[in-house]
């Protein structure tokens, strides 16, 4: 029986893939048949561990180090991925950083670095893969936003701005590419169990969870399942959307 979620022999390029949500997306897509280009910025040991796990699933996988905020570096990355895989069918822009501070004490560097990695990095990757999708007359672009970009969060002026910008970028690119059978959507996670949230003080995390209608944090796998849906033919008539994975936090 045909599996509508099958990604058999598709090539997925995933930034920020070595841990957390990106890692779960890579593993989920590999389990559904995709070959994976794992992009990381540091912690090569995590990337190698993920590569070994994907290889055990039986899919082709390569790891690539790249600072997505650098325009020329992302161009080289895409060329290197093409050299190894010949094409790219799915782009997941998951790479992101935080530098949380109140706007009053946030430095220019704090603001600019988060914008450069989160928003400009997403643009850079779309820019360099755009011609590939157009040539193939198909493709799936999935951008990682956040509920912080939908409602804003105190202490995250830089992060909220970057994630709101990703939503605008997603909708603009979706309109540009819709007639070419290429979709571009965003996922907006709420509080998710990752290394980032594990480093939070317990009292702050507990207070955040109290505000979630489902009264729990989400898992990286729950976000990955939405990414799988958006990468598959099951979402073929969906583009320009922002799907919240937040337990109802941003209703």
Protein backbone atom coordinates (compact mmCIF):
# COMPACT_ATOMS: atom_id res chain seq x y z
CA UNK A 1 0.00 0.00 0.00
CA UNK A 2 1.26 3.49 -0.90
CA UNK A 3 2.27 5.58 2.11
CA UNK A 4 1.32 9.21 1.56
CA UNK A 5 4.01 10.25 4.05
CA UNK A 6 6.74 8.39 2.17
CA UNK A 7 9.89 10.37 1.34
CA UNK A 8 11.51 7.45 -0.46
CA UNK A 9 14.69 8.53 -2.25
CA UNK A 10 14.07 12.22 -1.58
CA UNK A 11 17.04 14.34 -0.47
CA UNK A 12 16.49 16.49 2.61
CA UNK A 13 18.93 19.25 3.57
CA UNK A 14 18.45 20.11 7.25
CA UNK A 15 20.29 22.94 9.00
CA UNK A 16 20.88 22.84 12.73
CA UNK A 17 20.43 19.09 12.42
CA UNK A 18 22.93 17.71 14.90
CA UNK A 19 20.70 17.93 17.98
CA UNK A 20 17.29 18.84 19.33
CA UNK A 21 14.45 19.42 16.89
CA UNK A 22 16.75 19.24 13.86
CA UNK A 23 18.04 15.84 14.90
CA UNK A 24 14.52 14.48 15.35
CA UNK A 25 13.50 15.82 11.95
CA UNK A 26 16.52 14.17 10.32
CA UNK A 27 15.79 10.80 11.94
CA UNK A 28 12.07 10.95 11.17
CA UNK A 29 12.62 11.80 7.52
CA UNK A 30 15.27 9.08 7.21
CA UNK A 31 12.84 6.52 8.67
CA UNK A 32 10.36 7.51 5.95
CA UNK A 33 12.92 6.98 3.20
CA UNK A 34 14.80 10.25 2.74
CA UNK A 35 18.55 10.65 2.30
CA UNK A 36 19.84 13.34 4.63
CA UNK A 37 22.33 16.20 4.35
CA UNK A 38 23.09 17.04 7.99
CA UNK A 39 24.25 20.63 8.48
CA UNK A 40 25.80 21.70 11.79
CA UNK A 41 27.78 24.69 13.06
CA UNK A 42 29.60 23.11 16.01
CA UNK A 43 29.72 19.87 17.99
CA UNK A 44 30.93 17.64 15.18
CA UNK A 45 30.66 14.70 17.58
CA UNK A 46 26.87 15.12 17.65
CA UNK A 47 26.77 15.28 13.86
CA UNK A 48 28.86 12.11 13.54
CA UNK A 49 26.61 10.32 16.05
CA UNK A 50 23.54 11.31 14.03
CA UNK A 51 25.22 10.19 10.82
CA UNK A 52 25.87 6.75 12.29
CA UNK A 53 22.26 6.45 13.43
CA UNK A 54 20.90 7.39 10.00
CA UNK A 55 23.28 4.94 8.35
CA UNK A 56 21.87 2.20 10.60
CA UNK A 57 18.43 3.02 9.19
CA UNK A 58 19.83 2.30 5.74
CA UNK A 59 19.74 5.77 4.23
CA UNK A 60 22.51 7.80 2.63
CA UNK A 61 23.78 10.60 4.85
CA UNK A 62 26.57 13.17 4.77
CA UNK A 63 27.52 15.86 7.30
CA UNK A 64 28.46 19.43 6.43
CA UNK A 65 29.75 22.21 8.67
CA UNK A 66 28.41 25.67 7.84
CA UNK A 67 27.67 29.05 9.40
CA UNK A 68 24.32 29.75 7.73
CA UNK A 69 24.60 33.47 8.45
CA UNK A 70 27.38 33.71 5.83
CA UNK A 71 26.01 34.12 2.29
CA UNK A 72 29.07 32.70 0.51
CA UNK A 73 29.37 29.80 2.95
CA UNK A 74 25.78 28.74 2.30
CA UNK A 75 26.37 28.87 -1.44
CA UNK A 76 29.36 26.55 -1.03
CA UNK A 77 27.29 24.31 1.23
CA UNK A 78 24.55 23.88 -1.38
CA UNK A 79 27.14 23.15 -4.07
CA UNK A 80 28.77 20.53 -1.83
CA UNK A 81 25.41 18.90 -1.12
CA UNK A 82 24.66 18.76 -4.84
CA UNK A 83 28.03 17.15 -5.46
CA UNK A 84 27.18 14.37 -2.98
CA UNK A 85 23.45 13.93 -3.62
CA UNK A 86 22.88 15.37 -7.15
CA UNK A 87 19.72 17.21 -6.08
CA UNK A 88 17.77 18.66 -3.14
CA UNK A 89 14.06 17.96 -2.72
CA UNK A 90 13.42 19.22 0.82
CA UNK A 91 14.97 22.17 2.68
CA UNK A 92 14.47 22.46 6.43
CA UNK A 93 15.74 25.73 7.88
CA UNK A 94 16.10 24.80 11.52
CA UNK A 95 19.39 26.48 12.53
CA UNK A 96 18.84 29.08 15.22
CA UNK A 97 20.31 30.73 18.29
CA UNK A 98 19.11 32.78 21.25
CA UNK A 99 20.71 35.64 23.17
CA UNK A 100 17.96 36.57 25.59
CA UNK A 101 18.08 39.92 27.36
CA UNK A 102 15.70 42.77 28.01
CA UNK A 103 15.77 45.24 25.12
CA UNK A 104 17.28 47.85 27.45
CA UNK A 105 20.40 45.75 28.06
CA UNK A 106 20.58 44.01 24.67
CA UNK A 107 23.64 45.03 22.67
CA UNK A 108 23.81 45.67 18.96
CA UNK A 109 25.79 42.45 18.62
CA UNK A 110 23.17 40.50 20.61
CA UNK A 111 20.46 41.70 18.25
CA UNK A 112 22.38 41.41 15.00
CA UNK A 113 23.81 37.94 15.61
CA UNK A 114 20.39 36.42 16.26
CA UNK A 115 18.92 38.12 13.19
CA UNK A 116 21.90 37.01 11.08
CA UNK A 117 21.68 33.33 12.04
CA UNK A 118 17.92 32.89 12.36
CA UNK A 119 16.47 35.15 9.67
CA UNK A 120 19.30 35.88 7.27
CA UNK A 121 20.45 32.27 7.51
CA UNK A 122 16.99 31.13 6.42
CA UNK A 123 17.05 33.58 3.50
CA UNK A 124 20.55 32.48 2.49
CA UNK A 125 19.53 28.83 2.29
CA UNK A 126 16.37 29.60 0.34
CA UNK A 127 18.28 31.86 -2.05
CA UNK A 128 20.80 29.19 -2.99
CA UNK A 129 18.33 26.30 -3.26
CA UNK A 130 15.66 28.32 -5.09
CA UNK A 131 17.06 27.58 -8.61
CA UNK A 132 17.22 23.85 -7.84
CA UNK A 133 13.55 23.69 -6.89
CA UNK A 134 12.54 25.80 -9.91
CA UNK A 135 14.52 23.53 -12.26
CA UNK A 136 12.94 20.42 -10.71
CA UNK A 137 9.46 22.04 -10.77
CA UNK A 138 8.87 20.73 -7.27
CA UNK A 139 10.22 21.13 -3.76
CA UNK A 140 9.36 21.55 -0.09
CA UNK A 141 10.72 24.40 2.04
CA UNK A 142 10.09 24.21 5.79
CA UNK A 143 11.16 27.12 7.98
CA UNK A 144 11.36 26.95 11.77
CA UNK A 145 9.65 29.93 13.36
CA UNK A 146 8.36 30.08 16.95
CA UNK A 147 5.39 31.23 18.98
CA UNK A 148 7.81 33.98 20.03
CA UNK A 149 7.45 35.29 16.48
CA UNK A 150 3.65 35.21 16.70
CA UNK A 151 3.08 36.85 20.07
CA UNK A 152 6.46 38.22 21.18
CA UNK A 153 8.16 37.25 24.42
CA UNK A 154 9.74 39.56 26.99
CA UNK A 155 13.52 39.31 26.90
CA UNK A 156 13.48 38.08 23.31
CA UNK A 157 13.28 41.23 21.19
CA UNK A 158 15.97 39.82 18.89
CA UNK A 159 14.59 36.25 18.76
CA UNK A 160 10.96 37.36 18.37
CA UNK A 161 11.97 39.72 15.56
CA UNK A 162 13.90 36.99 13.76
CA UNK A 163 11.07 34.47 14.06
CA UNK A 164 8.41 37.00 12.99
CA UNK A 165 10.64 37.84 10.04
CA UNK A 166 10.77 34.15 9.10
CA UNK A 167 6.97 34.12 8.92
CA UNK A 168 6.99 37.07 6.51
CA UNK A 169 9.76 35.46 4.47
CA UNK A 170 7.81 32.19 4.35
CA UNK A 171 4.69 33.84 2.99
CA UNK A 172 6.58 35.90 0.40
CA UNK A 173 8.52 32.90 -0.91
CA UNK A 174 5.36 30.76 -0.90
CA UNK A 175 3.69 33.27 -3.22
CA UNK A 176 6.73 33.42 -5.51
CA UNK A 177 7.00 29.66 -5.90
CA UNK A 178 3.41 28.39 -5.68
CA UNK A 179 2.90 28.23 -9.46
CA UNK A 180 6.03 26.05 -9.76
CA UNK A 181 4.63 23.26 -7.53
CA UNK A 182 6.96 24.34 -4.70
CA UNK A 183 5.59 24.86 -1.20
CA UNK A 184 7.01 26.97 1.60
CA UNK A 185 5.61 26.65 5.11
CA UNK A 186 6.68 27.43 8.66
CA UNK A 187 6.42 25.60 11.98
CA UNK A 188 6.03 27.60 15.19
CA UNK A 189 6.98 25.46 18.21
CA UNK A 190 6.12 26.44 21.75
CA UNK A 191 8.09 25.13 24.72
CA UNK A 192 9.77 21.93 23.55
CA UNK A 193 12.00 19.55 25.51
CA UNK A 194 15.44 20.26 24.04
CA UNK A 195 18.89 21.17 25.40
CA UNK A 196 17.80 24.81 25.25
CA UNK A 197 14.83 24.32 27.59
CA UNK A 198 16.67 21.85 29.82
CA UNK A 199 19.13 24.63 30.66
CA UNK A 200 16.30 26.84 31.99
CA UNK A 201 15.89 27.17 35.77
CA UNK A 202 13.18 24.74 36.92
CA UNK A 203 10.92 27.46 38.33
CA UNK A 204 10.90 29.41 35.05
CA UNK A 205 10.17 26.28 33.02
CA UNK A 206 7.39 25.26 35.41
CA UNK A 207 5.79 28.69 35.18
CA UNK A 208 5.91 28.55 31.38
CA UNK A 209 4.27 25.10 31.34
CA UNK A 210 1.47 26.37 33.58
CA UNK A 211 0.52 28.75 30.76
CA UNK A 212 0.24 25.89 28.25
CA UNK A 213 -3.40 24.69 27.98
CA UNK A 214 -2.18 21.08 27.60
CA UNK A 215 -0.09 21.52 30.77
CA UNK A 216 3.09 19.96 29.40
CA UNK A 217 5.99 20.77 27.14
CA UNK A 218 6.17 19.26 23.69
CA UNK A 219 8.73 16.84 22.32
CA UNK A 220 11.11 17.25 19.42
CA UNK A 221 9.44 14.22 17.84
CA UNK A 222 6.08 16.01 17.83
CA UNK A 223 7.64 18.88 15.88
CA UNK A 224 9.37 16.40 13.56
CA UNK A 225 6.04 14.76 12.75
CA UNK A 226 4.70 18.09 11.48
CA UNK A 227 7.88 18.58 9.41
CA UNK A 228 7.33 15.12 7.91
CA UNK A 229 3.77 16.07 6.99
CA UNK A 230 4.92 19.29 5.33
CA UNK A 231 7.67 17.45 3.43
CA UNK A 232 5.31 14.76 2.15
CA UNK A 233 2.63 14.65 -0.52
CA UNK A 234 0.05 14.76 2.27
CA UNK A 235 0.54 18.55 2.34
CA UNK A 236 0.62 19.09 -1.43
CA UNK A 237 -2.04 21.85 -1.37
CA UNK A 238 -0.71 23.71 1.67
CA UNK A 239 1.66 26.65 1.29
CA UNK A 240 2.37 29.90 3.11
CA UNK A 241 1.06 28.46 6.37
CA UNK A 242 2.40 28.70 9.92
CA UNK A 243 1.59 25.57 11.93
CA UNK A 244 1.84 25.94 15.71
CA UNK A 245 3.12 23.02 17.75
CA UNK A 246 2.57 24.58 21.15
CA UNK A 247 -0.08 22.70 23.13
CA UNK A 248 -2.47 25.60 22.59
CA UNK A 249 -0.21 28.32 24.01
CA UNK A 250 -0.85 30.81 21.24
CA UNK A 251 -4.58 30.33 20.64
